């Protein structure tokens, strides 16, 4: 097995949001011993090893969390994530909104209504309409995606 250059690993960790933002706070003996296997920059490895120390070696939560650069609440959060999702549960969740929070169903209804009255409206025109009427600053591409999603879902029925 070949060694991956450190810069490539750091770039990969950053790309997957798994780069430890505070590697200098990890002062656990395994990570500062010079053993190349243990990498303080790898957030998933640091969290896993922290959990393992408590579960398998019986270390205290407070002391272990501190030596891995975490608070007790962060330890318990990592423990719950691991218990429910295994090792993938320790991967950081992607930052940012998880859904189209500005383009709610009511807003997309308004977009469709405007298109029904004037089918020549562009996505930029629709975005400008939302800014003017609702004070929502939305990128034209977001408007296109929302309308496309609605089209795939089919017409909405009212109860």
C-alpha atoms as a PDB file:
ATOM      1  CA  UNK A   1       0.000   0.000   0.000  1.00  0.00           C
ATOM      2  CA  UNK A   2       1.465   3.334  -0.996  1.00  0.00           C
ATOM      3  CA  UNK A   3       1.535   6.350   1.246  1.00  0.00           C
ATOM      4  CA  UNK A   4      -0.777   9.171   0.176  1.00  0.00           C
ATOM      5  CA  UNK A   5       0.994  12.527   0.312  1.00  0.00           C
ATOM      6  CA  UNK A   6      -0.195  14.646   3.231  1.00  0.00           C
ATOM      7  CA  UNK A   7      -1.382  17.448   0.958  1.00  0.00           C
ATOM      8  CA  UNK A   8      -3.631  15.035  -0.976  1.00  0.00           C
ATOM      9  CA  UNK A   9      -5.105  13.682   2.240  1.00  0.00           C
ATOM     10  CA  UNK A  10      -5.726  17.152   3.612  1.00  0.00           C
ATOM     11  CA  UNK A  11      -7.446  18.172   0.384  1.00  0.00           C
ATOM     12  CA  UNK A  12      -9.607  15.050   0.508  1.00  0.00           C
ATOM     13  CA  UNK A  13     -10.544  15.632   4.146  1.00  0.00           C
ATOM     14  CA  UNK A  14     -11.458  19.228   3.341  1.00  0.00           C
ATOM     15  CA  UNK A  15     -13.540  18.163   0.338  1.00  0.00           C
ATOM     16  CA  UNK A  16     -15.524  15.738   2.510  1.00  0.00           C
ATOM     17  CA  UNK A  17     -15.878  18.261   5.367  1.00  0.00           C
ATOM     18  CA  UNK A  18     -13.870  15.911   7.587  1.00  0.00           C
ATOM     19  CA  UNK A  19     -10.846  18.154   8.182  1.00  0.00           C
ATOM     20  CA  UNK A  20     -10.516  18.770  11.909  1.00  0.00           C
ATOM     21  CA  UNK A  21     -10.746  22.536  12.410  1.00  0.00           C
ATOM     22  CA  UNK A  22      -8.684  22.320  15.623  1.00  0.00           C
ATOM     23  CA  UNK A  23      -6.064  19.574  15.211  1.00  0.00           C
ATOM     24  CA  UNK A  24      -3.717  21.373  17.614  1.00  0.00           C
ATOM     25  CA  UNK A  25      -6.203  20.714  20.452  1.00  0.00           C
ATOM     26  CA  UNK A  26      -5.812  16.929  20.108  1.00  0.00           C
ATOM     27  CA  UNK A  27      -3.184  16.041  22.673  1.00  0.00           C
ATOM     28  CA  UNK A  28      -3.951  12.345  23.100  1.00  0.00           C
ATOM     29  CA  UNK A  29      -0.757  10.287  23.314  1.00  0.00           C
ATOM     30  CA  UNK A  30      -1.537   8.185  20.227  1.00  0.00           C
ATOM     31  CA  UNK A  31      -1.915  11.267  18.071  1.00  0.00           C
ATOM     32  CA  UNK A  32       1.202  13.048  19.299  1.00  0.00           C
ATOM     33  CA  UNK A  33       3.465   9.994  19.420  1.00  0.00           C
ATOM     34  CA  UNK A  34       4.591  10.397  15.818  1.00  0.00           C
ATOM     35  CA  UNK A  35       2.736   7.276  14.672  1.00  0.00           C
ATOM     36  CA  UNK A  36       1.732   8.111  11.082  1.00  0.00           C
ATOM     37  CA  UNK A  37      -1.478   6.087  11.378  1.00  0.00           C
ATOM     38  CA  UNK A  38      -3.030   8.543  13.815  1.00  0.00           C
ATOM     39  CA  UNK A  39      -3.774  11.845  12.084  1.00  0.00           C
ATOM     40  CA  UNK A  40      -5.067  14.750  14.184  1.00  0.00           C
ATOM     41  CA  UNK A  41      -6.415  16.376  11.027  1.00  0.00           C
ATOM     42  CA  UNK A  42      -8.845  13.490  10.375  1.00  0.00           C
ATOM     43  CA  UNK A  43     -11.980  14.459  12.308  1.00  0.00           C
ATOM     44  CA  UNK A  44     -13.684  11.070  11.860  1.00  0.00           C
ATOM     45  CA  UNK A  45     -10.631   9.193  13.115  1.00  0.00           C
ATOM     46  CA  UNK A  46     -10.284  11.524  16.095  1.00  0.00           C
ATOM     47  CA  UNK A  47     -13.948  11.094  17.055  1.00  0.00           C
ATOM     48  CA  UNK A  48     -13.842   7.317  16.615  1.00  0.00           C
ATOM     49  CA  UNK A  49     -10.719   6.967  18.718  1.00  0.00           C
ATOM     50  CA  UNK A  50     -12.247   9.199  21.406  1.00  0.00           C
ATOM     51  CA  UNK A  51     -15.333   6.965  21.562  1.00  0.00           C
ATOM     52  CA  UNK A  52     -13.195   3.814  21.565  1.00  0.00           C
ATOM     53  CA  UNK A  53     -11.113   5.067  24.489  1.00  0.00           C
ATOM     54  CA  UNK A  54     -14.203   5.490  26.639  1.00  0.00           C
ATOM     55  CA  UNK A  55     -15.954   2.287  25.565  1.00  0.00           C
ATOM     56  CA  UNK A  56     -13.048  -0.128  25.376  1.00  0.00           C
ATOM     57  CA  UNK A  57     -10.478   1.296  27.754  1.00  0.00           C
ATOM     58  CA  UNK A  58     -12.858   2.716  30.347  1.00  0.00           C
ATOM     59  CA  UNK A  59     -11.450   6.240  30.258  1.00  0.00           C
ATOM     60  CA  UNK A  60     -13.641   8.967  31.701  1.00  0.00           C
ATOM     61  CA  UNK A  61     -15.729  11.023  29.314  1.00  0.00           C
ATOM     62  CA  UNK A  62     -14.517  14.382  30.657  1.00  0.00           C
ATOM     63  CA  UNK A  63     -10.829  13.556  30.507  1.00  0.00           C
ATOM     64  CA  UNK A  64     -11.031  11.798  27.145  1.00  0.00           C
ATOM     65  CA  UNK A  65     -13.119  14.496  25.496  1.00  0.00           C
ATOM     66  CA  UNK A  66     -10.654  17.148  26.677  1.00  0.00           C
ATOM     67  CA  UNK A  67      -7.621  15.217  25.393  1.00  0.00           C
ATOM     68  CA  UNK A  68      -9.266  14.904  21.973  1.00  0.00           C
ATOM     69  CA  UNK A  69     -10.177  18.598  21.829  1.00  0.00           C
ATOM     70  CA  UNK A  70     -13.915  18.165  22.424  1.00  0.00           C
ATOM     71  CA  UNK A  71     -16.412  19.161  25.074  1.00  0.00           C
ATOM     72  CA  UNK A  72     -18.512  16.611  26.970  1.00  0.00           C
ATOM     73  CA  UNK A  73     -21.663  17.557  24.998  1.00  0.00           C
ATOM     74  CA  UNK A  74     -19.722  17.052  21.760  1.00  0.00           C
ATOM     75  CA  UNK A  75     -18.630  13.626  22.992  1.00  0.00           C
ATOM     76  CA  UNK A  76     -22.231  12.613  23.640  1.00  0.00           C
ATOM     77  CA  UNK A  77     -23.301  14.001  20.268  1.00  0.00           C
ATOM     78  CA  UNK A  78     -20.604  11.915  18.545  1.00  0.00           C
ATOM     79  CA  UNK A  79     -21.613   8.873  20.602  1.00  0.00           C
ATOM     80  CA  UNK A  80     -25.264   9.228  19.550  1.00  0.00           C
ATOM     81  CA  UNK A  81     -24.254   9.699  15.909  1.00  0.00           C
ATOM     82  CA  UNK A  82     -22.068   6.580  16.050  1.00  0.00           C
ATOM     83  CA  UNK A  83     -24.734   4.533  17.832  1.00  0.00           C
ATOM     84  CA  UNK A  84     -27.351   5.403  15.236  1.00  0.00           C
ATOM     85  CA  UNK A  85     -25.222   5.453  12.093  1.00  0.00           C
ATOM     86  CA  UNK A  86     -21.995   3.579  12.759  1.00  0.00           C
ATOM     87  CA  UNK A  87     -18.783   4.997  11.358  1.00  0.00           C
ATOM     88  CA  UNK A  88     -20.592   6.941   8.594  1.00  0.00           C
ATOM     89  CA  UNK A  89     -22.547   8.662  11.384  1.00  0.00           C
ATOM     90  CA  UNK A  90     -19.324  10.365  12.442  1.00  0.00           C
ATOM     91  CA  UNK A  91     -18.964  12.056   9.063  1.00  0.00           C
ATOM     92  CA  UNK A  92     -19.883  15.712   9.408  1.00  0.00           C
ATOM     93  CA  UNK A  93     -23.170  16.664   7.818  1.00  0.00           C
ATOM     94  CA  UNK A  94     -22.974  18.998   4.867  1.00  0.00           C
ATOM     95  CA  UNK A  95     -23.424  22.608   5.912  1.00  0.00           C
ATOM     96  CA  UNK A  96     -26.242  24.772   4.673  1.00  0.00           C
ATOM     97  CA  UNK A  97     -29.931  24.326   4.053  1.00  0.00           C
ATOM     98  CA  UNK A  98     -31.199  20.827   3.365  1.00  0.00           C
ATOM     99  CA  UNK A  99     -34.155  21.899   1.232  1.00  0.00           C
ATOM    100  CA  UNK A 100     -35.368  24.826  -0.826  1.00  0.00           C
ATOM    101  CA  UNK A 101     -36.298  26.938   2.182  1.00  0.00           C
ATOM    102  CA  UNK A 102     -37.029  30.153   0.259  1.00  0.00           C
ATOM    103  CA  UNK A 103     -38.994  28.489  -2.505  1.00  0.00           C
ATOM    104  CA  UNK A 104     -41.804  27.007  -0.451  1.00  0.00           C
ATOM    105  CA  UNK A 105     -44.870  25.466  -2.072  1.00  0.00           C
ATOM    106  CA  UNK A 106     -46.719  28.777  -1.783  1.00  0.00           C
ATOM    107  CA  UNK A 107     -43.891  30.644  -3.514  1.00  0.00           C
ATOM    108  CA  UNK A 108     -43.680  28.084  -6.329  1.00  0.00           C
ATOM    109  CA  UNK A 109     -47.482  28.372  -6.669  1.00  0.00           C
ATOM    110  CA  UNK A 110     -46.970  32.126  -7.180  1.00  0.00           C
ATOM    111  CA  UNK A 111     -44.305  31.444  -9.825  1.00  0.00           C
ATOM    112  CA  UNK A 112     -46.614  29.083 -11.706  1.00  0.00           C
ATOM    113  CA  UNK A 113     -49.425  31.619 -11.476  1.00  0.00           C
ATOM    114  CA  UNK A 114     -47.166  34.295 -12.982  1.00  0.00           C
ATOM    115  CA  UNK A 115     -46.083  31.925 -15.758  1.00  0.00           C
ATOM    116  CA  UNK A 116     -49.723  31.078 -16.435  1.00  0.00           C
ATOM    117  CA  UNK A 117     -50.437  34.759 -17.059  1.00  0.00           C
ATOM    118  CA  UNK A 118     -47.244  35.393 -19.050  1.00  0.00           C
ATOM    119  CA  UNK A 119     -45.441  32.311 -20.387  1.00  0.00           C
ATOM    120  CA  UNK A 120     -42.635  34.457 -21.817  1.00  0.00           C
ATOM    121  CA  UNK A 121     -41.270  35.257 -18.331  1.00  0.00           C
ATOM    122  CA  UNK A 122     -37.675  34.084 -17.933  1.00  0.00           C
ATOM    123  CA  UNK A 123     -36.247  32.650 -14.741  1.00  0.00           C
ATOM    124  CA  UNK A 124     -34.500  35.987 -14.190  1.00  0.00           C
ATOM    125  CA  UNK A 125     -37.844  37.748 -14.611  1.00  0.00           C
ATOM    126  CA  UNK A 126     -39.470  35.384 -12.136  1.00  0.00           C
ATOM    127  CA  UNK A 127     -36.630  35.928  -9.658  1.00  0.00           C
ATOM    128  CA  UNK A 128     -37.118  39.709 -10.041  1.00  0.00           C
ATOM    129  CA  UNK A 129     -40.848  39.252  -9.447  1.00  0.00           C
ATOM    130  CA  UNK A 130     -40.148  37.414  -6.169  1.00  0.00           C
ATOM    131  CA  UNK A 131     -37.753  40.147  -5.092  1.00  0.00           C
ATOM    132  CA  UNK A 132     -40.309  42.848  -5.873  1.00  0.00           C
ATOM    133  CA  UNK A 133     -43.424  41.169  -4.459  1.00  0.00           C
ATOM    134  CA  UNK A 134     -42.078  39.126  -1.549  1.00  0.00           C
ATOM    135  CA  UNK A 135     -38.653  40.569  -0.828  1.00  0.00           C
ATOM    136  CA  UNK A 136     -37.055  37.187  -1.600  1.00  0.00           C
ATOM    137  CA  UNK A 137     -33.645  37.277  -3.233  1.00  0.00           C
ATOM    138  CA  UNK A 138     -33.470  34.050  -5.237  1.00  0.00           C
ATOM    139  CA  UNK A 139     -31.042  33.057  -7.971  1.00  0.00           C
ATOM    140  CA  UNK A 140     -32.703  32.448 -11.366  1.00  0.00           C
ATOM    141  CA  UNK A 141     -31.254  28.922 -11.460  1.00  0.00           C
ATOM    142  CA  UNK A 142     -33.007  28.171  -8.161  1.00  0.00           C
ATOM    143  CA  UNK A 143     -36.264  29.269  -9.759  1.00  0.00           C
ATOM    144  CA  UNK A 144     -35.618  26.904 -12.681  1.00  0.00           C
ATOM    145  CA  UNK A 145     -34.876  23.989 -10.345  1.00  0.00           C
ATOM    146  CA  UNK A 146     -37.977  24.623  -8.228  1.00  0.00           C
ATOM    147  CA  UNK A 147     -40.234  24.742 -11.276  1.00  0.00           C
ATOM    148  CA  UNK A 148     -38.587  21.620 -12.690  1.00  0.00           C
ATOM    149  CA  UNK A 149     -39.138  19.755  -9.410  1.00  0.00           C
ATOM    150  CA  UNK A 150     -42.771  20.813  -9.380  1.00  0.00           C
ATOM    151  CA  UNK A 151     -43.193  19.650 -12.974  1.00  0.00           C
ATOM    152  CA  UNK A 152     -41.784  16.197 -12.070  1.00  0.00           C
ATOM    153  CA  UNK A 153     -44.057  15.939  -9.019  1.00  0.00           C
ATOM    154  CA  UNK A 154     -47.131  16.638 -11.129  1.00  0.00           C
ATOM    155  CA  UNK A 155     -49.975  19.071 -10.524  1.00  0.00           C
ATOM    156  CA  UNK A 156     -50.926  19.887  -6.971  1.00  0.00           C
ATOM    157  CA  UNK A 157     -54.384  19.041  -5.834  1.00  0.00           C
ATOM    158  CA  UNK A 158     -56.193  21.133  -3.259  1.00  0.00           C
ATOM    159  CA  UNK A 159     -58.288  19.483  -0.585  1.00  0.00           C
END
